[in-house]
Amino acid sequence: MKTALSLFAALLVVVSMQSKPTPTILSTDIGSDIDDTWALAHILRSPELDLKMVLTETGEALYRGQVTGKVLEIADRTDVSIALGKDYGVMTDEHRHQGPWVKNYDLSNYPGTVHQEGIQAFIELVKETEGPINIIAIGPPPSLAEALKIAPEIAEKCHFFGMHGSFDLGYGGSPEISAETNVRVDPEAFRTVIGANWISKTITPLDTCGLFYLGGDNYQKIWASTQDPLLRSVIENYCIWAPRVPWMECEFFATQSSTLFDDIAAYMAYDGSLLNYEEIKFSVTDDGYTLRDPKGPYSAKVAISWKDMEACQDFLTKRLLKR
């Protein structure tokens, strides 16, 4: 009887460990493409992920921190800290694509913690947190790269999930590969990050994430969720963003989302079973191309194609709606 009780207690511990959400840090250039805002909402709606920090990447750190802070306040998640990463100076209004939404938002009043020295705060959080930790990177990664140069050992506690690259398909499903933006903006930073000694490294390139969006009934359910503050904030940002970016055909924003590249990196961090993966060795060119290369210096588990994208679209919709 005593042995049976001991085995039962051990089983409860294992189940508890399996169900415990994974500490997670989001590295993002939120405020440029709207998909980062969708991805942040996605992470906040994922019980498997315990979001601890948002680290800003590229551009004006304050602006990206403002967008992050306002979303987190609306979601009632000010337990999440904001780490201001490498700053590239004040962005012009035309590049603050969600700027009107945070025009009167004062980040200094954020009820949670804002780290002005965000890279050091990121390093300290990784060191202090019991691993493993998920790093979800959905922007060019100069802040992550700087952290790894200072403390390369932190990678050994973390699983890396990134939205980076283009291997067989380019933007819009083109058969010609593209210099994907998150690599092209700072190829050397990406080399540092993808070459780090992570526990594991998994990326979604344009081959998969570049095809993903919400449309039809799925999108209309999100659009109609006016009583949900978090989803309402996503749609508000989308309505502001769409007319302000040069690459968007803004007339369709009421009927479908833009491409939700970054949501696939978030999805892989807790499931990813609707994707097909391939272990790929590759090189990174100075102009931002990720090229298949059997002798290349980099390798990653790559979500190279879809098993069932439609099922993932349905799944994400239900998750965002908390159903």
Protein backbone atom coordinates (compact mmCIF):
# COMPACT_ATOMS: atom_id res chain seq x y z
CA MET A 1 0.00 0.00 0.00
CA LYS A 2 2.83 2.33 0.94
CA THR A 3 4.60 1.61 -2.37
CA ALA A 4 1.41 2.26 -4.35
CA LEU A 5 0.92 5.60 -2.60
CA SER A 6 4.53 6.55 -3.30
CA LEU A 7 4.13 5.70 -6.99
CA PHE A 8 0.90 7.71 -7.13
CA ALA A 9 2.59 10.71 -5.50
CA ALA A 10 5.47 10.48 -7.98
CA LEU A 11 2.98 10.35 -10.88
CA LEU A 12 1.26 13.47 -9.58
CA VAL A 13 4.60 15.28 -9.52
CA VAL A 14 5.33 14.26 -13.12
CA VAL A 15 1.88 15.37 -14.30
CA SER A 16 2.28 18.66 -12.42
CA MET A 17 5.68 19.25 -14.02
CA GLN A 18 4.28 18.53 -17.48
CA SER A 19 1.36 20.91 -17.05
CA LYS A 20 3.41 23.74 -15.58
CA PRO A 21 3.68 26.62 -18.08
CA THR A 22 7.14 27.25 -19.49
CA PRO A 23 8.85 30.56 -18.62
CA THR A 24 8.89 32.52 -21.86
CA ILE A 25 10.58 35.68 -23.18
CA LEU A 26 9.39 37.42 -26.34
CA SER A 27 11.92 39.27 -28.51
CA THR A 28 10.00 41.56 -30.87
CA ASP A 29 10.04 44.60 -33.12
CA ILE A 30 6.39 45.21 -32.28
CA GLY A 31 4.93 48.36 -33.82
CA SER A 32 6.23 47.83 -37.36
CA ASP A 33 4.25 44.91 -38.80
CA ILE A 34 0.94 44.19 -37.07
CA ASP A 35 1.69 40.47 -36.79
CA ASP A 36 3.81 41.09 -33.67
CA THR A 37 0.71 42.45 -31.92
CA TRP A 38 -1.31 39.39 -32.94
CA ALA A 39 1.52 37.17 -31.69
CA LEU A 40 1.68 38.92 -28.32
CA ALA A 41 -2.08 38.38 -27.88
CA HIS A 42 -1.59 34.74 -28.94
CA ILE A 43 1.11 34.19 -26.30
CA LEU A 44 -1.01 35.84 -23.62
CA ARG A 45 -3.84 33.45 -24.49
CA SER A 46 -1.60 30.36 -24.31
CA PRO A 47 -1.70 28.66 -20.89
CA GLU A 48 1.38 26.60 -21.79
CA LEU A 49 3.50 29.77 -21.90
CA ASP A 50 4.34 31.87 -18.85
CA LEU A 51 5.36 35.18 -20.40
CA LYS A 52 7.94 36.86 -18.16
CA MET A 53 9.44 39.60 -20.33
CA VAL A 54 9.16 41.37 -23.66
CA LEU A 55 12.51 42.49 -25.12
CA THR A 56 12.35 45.15 -27.84
CA GLU A 57 14.35 44.81 -31.04
CA THR A 58 15.51 47.49 -33.53
CA GLY A 59 14.12 50.95 -34.13
CA GLU A 60 13.00 53.26 -31.35
CA ALA A 61 12.91 51.22 -28.14
CA LEU A 62 10.57 53.65 -26.37
CA TYR A 63 7.92 53.43 -29.09
CA ARG A 64 8.05 49.64 -29.15
CA GLY A 65 7.86 49.64 -25.36
CA GLN A 66 4.77 51.86 -25.51
CA VAL A 67 2.91 49.49 -27.82
CA THR A 68 3.91 46.55 -25.63
CA GLY A 69 2.96 48.30 -22.39
CA LYS A 70 -0.49 49.36 -23.57
CA VAL A 71 -1.32 45.84 -24.82
CA LEU A 72 -0.14 44.31 -21.54
CA GLU A 73 -2.19 46.77 -19.50
CA ILE A 74 -5.31 46.03 -21.51
CA ALA A 75 -4.68 42.30 -21.03
CA ASP A 76 -4.23 42.86 -17.26
CA ARG A 77 -0.75 41.34 -17.52
CA THR A 78 1.46 44.02 -16.02
CA ASP A 79 3.33 41.24 -14.21
CA VAL A 80 5.24 40.99 -17.51
CA SER A 81 8.31 43.21 -17.57
CA ILE A 82 9.36 45.31 -20.56
CA ALA A 83 13.05 45.34 -21.47
CA LEU A 84 14.12 48.14 -23.81
CA GLY A 85 16.74 46.70 -26.13
CA LYS A 86 19.18 48.27 -28.55
CA ASP A 87 17.92 51.70 -29.55
CA TYR A 88 18.45 53.13 -33.02
CA GLY A 89 17.12 56.61 -32.31
CA VAL A 90 13.74 58.23 -32.73
CA MET A 91 11.64 56.81 -35.55
CA THR A 92 9.80 59.18 -37.85
CA ASP A 93 6.02 59.20 -37.65
CA GLU A 94 5.70 57.40 -40.99
CA HIS A 95 7.58 54.44 -39.52
CA ARG A 96 5.57 54.36 -36.29
CA HIS A 97 2.86 52.36 -38.00
CA GLN A 98 0.82 51.97 -34.79
CA GLY A 99 1.86 55.35 -33.45
CA PRO A 100 -1.62 56.94 -33.19
CA TRP A 101 -2.70 54.13 -30.84
CA VAL A 102 -0.02 55.05 -28.28
CA LYS A 103 0.13 58.79 -28.94
CA ASN A 104 -0.93 59.62 -25.38
CA TYR A 105 0.47 56.53 -23.67
CA ASP A 106 3.19 57.30 -21.11
CA LEU A 107 5.40 54.26 -20.61
CA SER A 108 6.74 55.71 -17.37
CA ASN A 109 3.27 55.08 -15.89
CA TYR A 110 3.30 51.37 -16.79
CA PRO A 111 2.32 49.60 -13.53
CA GLY A 112 4.87 46.84 -14.09
CA THR A 113 8.63 46.99 -14.53
CA VAL A 114 10.31 48.76 -17.43
CA HIS A 115 14.03 48.04 -17.75
CA GLN A 116 15.95 50.87 -19.40
CA GLU A 117 18.98 48.58 -19.61
CA GLY A 118 16.94 45.85 -21.21
CA ILE A 119 19.72 43.63 -22.51
CA GLN A 120 21.28 43.29 -19.08
CA ALA A 121 17.85 42.71 -17.54
CA PHE A 122 17.23 39.96 -20.08
CA ILE A 123 20.53 38.27 -19.18
CA GLU A 124 19.76 38.46 -15.48
CA LEU A 125 16.26 37.05 -15.92
CA VAL A 126 17.55 34.05 -17.86
CA LYS A 127 20.22 33.41 -15.23
CA GLU A 128 17.75 33.72 -12.34
CA THR A 129 14.95 31.65 -13.88
CA GLU A 130 14.84 27.91 -13.41
CA GLY A 131 15.07 26.43 -16.88
CA PRO A 132 14.21 25.48 -19.47
CA ILE A 133 13.07 28.81 -20.90
CA ASN A 134 11.42 29.54 -24.23
CA ILE A 135 12.82 32.40 -26.30
CA ILE A 136 10.34 33.42 -29.02
CA ALA A 137 12.08 35.75 -31.48
CA ILE A 138 9.85 37.50 -34.02
CA GLY A 139 12.00 40.38 -35.22
CA PRO A 140 15.56 41.15 -36.29
CA PRO A 141 17.62 40.09 -33.23
CA PRO A 142 20.36 42.65 -32.46
CA SER A 143 19.35 42.83 -28.78
CA LEU A 144 19.42 39.05 -28.45
CA ALA A 145 22.76 38.96 -30.26
CA GLU A 146 24.23 41.53 -27.90
CA ALA A 147 23.05 39.54 -24.88
CA LEU A 148 24.68 36.40 -26.28
CA LYS A 149 27.96 38.22 -26.86
CA ILE A 150 27.97 39.36 -23.23
CA ALA A 151 26.80 36.06 -21.72
CA PRO A 152 26.88 33.23 -24.30
CA GLU A 153 26.19 30.65 -21.61
CA ILE A 154 22.55 31.77 -21.23
CA ALA A 155 21.66 29.95 -24.47
CA GLU A 156 22.26 26.63 -22.72
CA LYS A 157 19.13 27.19 -20.60
CA CYS A 158 16.83 28.09 -23.48
CA HIS A 159 14.84 26.68 -26.36
CA PHE A 160 14.85 29.08 -29.31
CA PHE A 161 11.81 29.56 -31.57
CA GLY A 162 12.29 32.08 -34.37
CA MET A 163 10.46 33.58 -37.33
CA HIS A 164 13.37 33.81 -39.74
CA GLY A 165 14.51 32.89 -43.22
CA SER A 166 13.33 31.58 -46.58
CA PHE A 167 14.46 28.20 -47.92
CA ASP A 168 12.25 26.98 -50.77
CA LEU A 169 9.55 29.66 -50.96
CA GLY A 170 9.66 33.44 -50.72
CA TYR A 171 7.11 36.09 -49.79
CA GLY A 172 3.58 35.25 -50.85
CA GLY A 173 4.55 31.66 -51.67
CA SER A 174 6.86 32.72 -54.50
CA PRO A 175 9.03 29.88 -55.85
CA GLU A 176 11.96 32.29 -55.63
CA ILE A 177 13.36 32.60 -52.12
CA SER A 178 13.50 36.01 -50.44
CA ALA A 179 15.88 37.90 -48.20
CA GLU A 180 13.46 37.63 -45.28
CA THR A 181 13.24 40.88 -43.30
CA ASN A 182 14.16 39.53 -39.85
CA VAL A 183 17.42 38.23 -41.33
CA ARG A 184 18.05 40.94 -43.93
CA VAL A 185 17.91 43.85 -41.45
CA ASP A 186 20.90 42.51 -39.49
CA PRO A 187 22.42 39.30 -40.94
CA GLU A 188 25.33 39.34 -38.49
CA ALA A 189 22.98 39.48 -35.50
CA PHE A 190 21.01 36.55 -36.91
CA ARG A 191 24.25 34.59 -37.40
CA THR A 192 25.13 35.16 -33.75
CA VAL A 193 21.70 34.07 -32.56
CA ILE A 194 21.23 31.02 -34.78
CA GLY A 195 24.79 29.90 -34.05
CA ALA A 196 24.32 30.02 -30.27
CA ASN A 197 24.33 26.87 -28.15
CA TRP A 198 20.58 26.75 -27.46
CA ILE A 199 19.06 23.56 -26.03
CA SER A 200 17.14 23.44 -29.31
CA LYS A 201 16.52 25.85 -32.18
CA THR A 202 13.38 25.78 -34.29
CA ILE A 203 12.47 28.33 -36.94
CA THR A 204 9.51 29.03 -39.17
CA PRO A 205 10.64 30.54 -42.49
CA LEU A 206 8.47 32.14 -45.16
CA ASP A 207 7.84 28.63 -46.49
CA THR A 208 5.23 28.18 -43.74
CA CYS A 209 4.59 31.39 -41.82
CA GLY A 210 4.48 33.43 -45.04
CA LEU A 211 1.30 31.60 -46.08
CA PHE A 212 -0.63 31.99 -42.82
CA TYR A 213 -3.51 34.39 -42.19
CA LEU A 214 -7.05 34.38 -40.79
CA GLY A 215 -9.98 34.91 -43.12
CA GLY A 216 -13.63 33.96 -43.56
CA ASP A 217 -15.61 32.99 -40.45
CA ASN A 218 -12.45 32.74 -38.35
CA TYR A 219 -11.52 36.34 -38.95
CA GLN A 220 -15.09 37.60 -38.59
CA LYS A 221 -15.30 35.98 -35.15
CA ILE A 222 -12.20 37.91 -34.08
CA TRP A 223 -13.47 41.12 -35.72
CA ALA A 224 -16.79 40.81 -33.85
CA SER A 225 -15.19 40.26 -30.42
CA THR A 226 -15.80 43.85 -29.30
CA GLN A 227 -16.41 42.78 -25.70
CA ASP A 228 -12.96 41.22 -25.42
CA PRO A 229 -10.52 44.04 -24.54
CA LEU A 230 -7.42 42.23 -25.78
CA LEU A 231 -8.86 41.24 -29.17
CA ARG A 232 -10.45 44.67 -29.53
CA SER A 233 -7.01 46.23 -29.05
CA VAL A 234 -5.58 43.95 -31.79
CA ILE A 235 -8.29 45.00 -34.25
CA GLU A 236 -7.94 48.67 -33.28
CA ASN A 237 -4.23 48.44 -34.06
CA TYR A 238 -4.92 46.65 -37.33
CA CYS A 239 -7.35 49.38 -38.43
CA ILE A 240 -4.74 52.05 -37.62
CA TRP A 241 -1.85 50.09 -39.15
CA ALA A 242 -3.39 49.00 -42.47
CA PRO A 243 -3.71 52.45 -44.11
CA ARG A 244 -0.27 53.52 -42.86
CA VAL A 245 1.97 50.85 -44.41
CA PRO A 246 3.02 50.96 -48.05
CA TRP A 247 2.87 47.19 -48.64
CA MET A 248 -0.72 46.64 -47.43
CA GLU A 249 -3.82 46.53 -49.61
CA CYS A 250 -5.81 48.22 -46.87
CA GLU A 251 -9.18 47.69 -48.48
CA PHE A 252 -9.32 44.05 -47.30
CA PHE A 253 -8.52 44.57 -43.62
CA ALA A 254 -12.21 44.28 -42.67
CA THR A 255 -12.44 40.82 -44.26
CA GLN A 256 -9.15 39.11 -43.39
CA SER A 257 -5.94 39.55 -41.45
CA SER A 258 -2.62 40.42 -42.99
CA THR A 259 -0.02 37.63 -43.05
CA LEU A 260 0.47 36.42 -39.48
CA PHE A 261 4.11 35.37 -39.80
CA ASP A 262 4.91 35.66 -36.09
CA ASP A 263 2.03 33.58 -34.77
CA ILE A 264 3.71 30.46 -36.12
CA ALA A 265 6.81 31.01 -33.99
CA ALA A 266 4.52 31.33 -30.96
CA TYR A 267 2.58 28.21 -31.97
CA MET A 268 5.78 26.14 -32.29
CA ALA A 269 6.77 27.07 -28.74
CA TYR A 270 3.97 24.97 -27.23
CA ASP A 271 2.77 22.62 -30.00
CA GLY A 272 3.67 22.92 -33.69
CA SER A 273 2.23 19.50 -34.56
CA LEU A 274 0.42 20.79 -37.67
CA LEU A 275 3.76 21.55 -39.36
CA ASN A 276 6.27 19.36 -41.17
CA TYR A 277 9.89 19.80 -40.04
CA GLU A 278 13.27 19.24 -41.63
CA GLU A 279 16.72 19.55 -40.08
CA ILE A 280 18.51 21.94 -42.44
CA LYS A 281 22.12 23.05 -42.64
CA PHE A 282 22.50 26.46 -44.19
CA SER A 283 24.59 29.58 -44.70
CA VAL A 284 23.53 33.22 -44.27
CA THR A 285 24.56 35.74 -46.93
CA ASP A 286 25.45 39.36 -46.23
CA ASP A 287 22.27 40.47 -48.00
CA GLY A 288 20.05 38.32 -45.80
CA TYR A 289 19.42 35.08 -47.69
CA THR A 290 19.32 31.74 -45.85
CA LEU A 291 20.70 29.20 -48.33
CA ARG A 292 20.55 25.43 -48.02
CA ASP A 293 24.17 24.34 -47.69
CA PRO A 294 25.29 20.82 -46.64
CA LYS A 295 28.56 22.35 -45.44
CA GLY A 296 26.95 25.46 -43.97
CA PRO A 297 27.91 26.64 -40.48
CA TYR A 298 24.32 26.80 -39.18
CA SER A 299 21.58 24.26 -38.64
CA ALA A 300 18.08 24.30 -37.21
CA LYS A 301 14.86 22.38 -37.09
CA VAL A 302 12.88 24.14 -39.81
CA ALA A 303 9.10 24.15 -40.22
CA ILE A 304 9.35 23.66 -43.96
CA SER A 305 5.75 22.87 -44.94
CA TRP A 306 2.24 22.50 -43.59
CA LYS A 307 0.50 19.30 -42.57
CA ASP A 308 -2.79 21.15 -42.17
CA MET A 309 -2.79 24.96 -42.26
CA GLU A 310 -6.59 25.17 -42.18
CA ALA A 311 -6.67 23.24 -38.91
CA CYS A 312 -4.12 25.65 -37.47
CA GLN A 313 -6.23 28.63 -38.55
CA ASP A 314 -9.24 27.12 -36.76
CA PHE A 315 -7.12 26.31 -33.72
CA LEU A 316 -5.66 29.82 -33.44
CA THR A 317 -9.09 31.39 -33.73
CA LYS A 318 -10.46 29.26 -30.88
CA ARG A 319 -7.40 29.99 -28.77
CA LEU A 320 -7.65 33.76 -29.24
CA LEU A 321 -11.35 33.57 -28.42
CA LYS A 322 -10.52 31.48 -25.32
CA ARG A 323 -12.73 28.59 -26.54
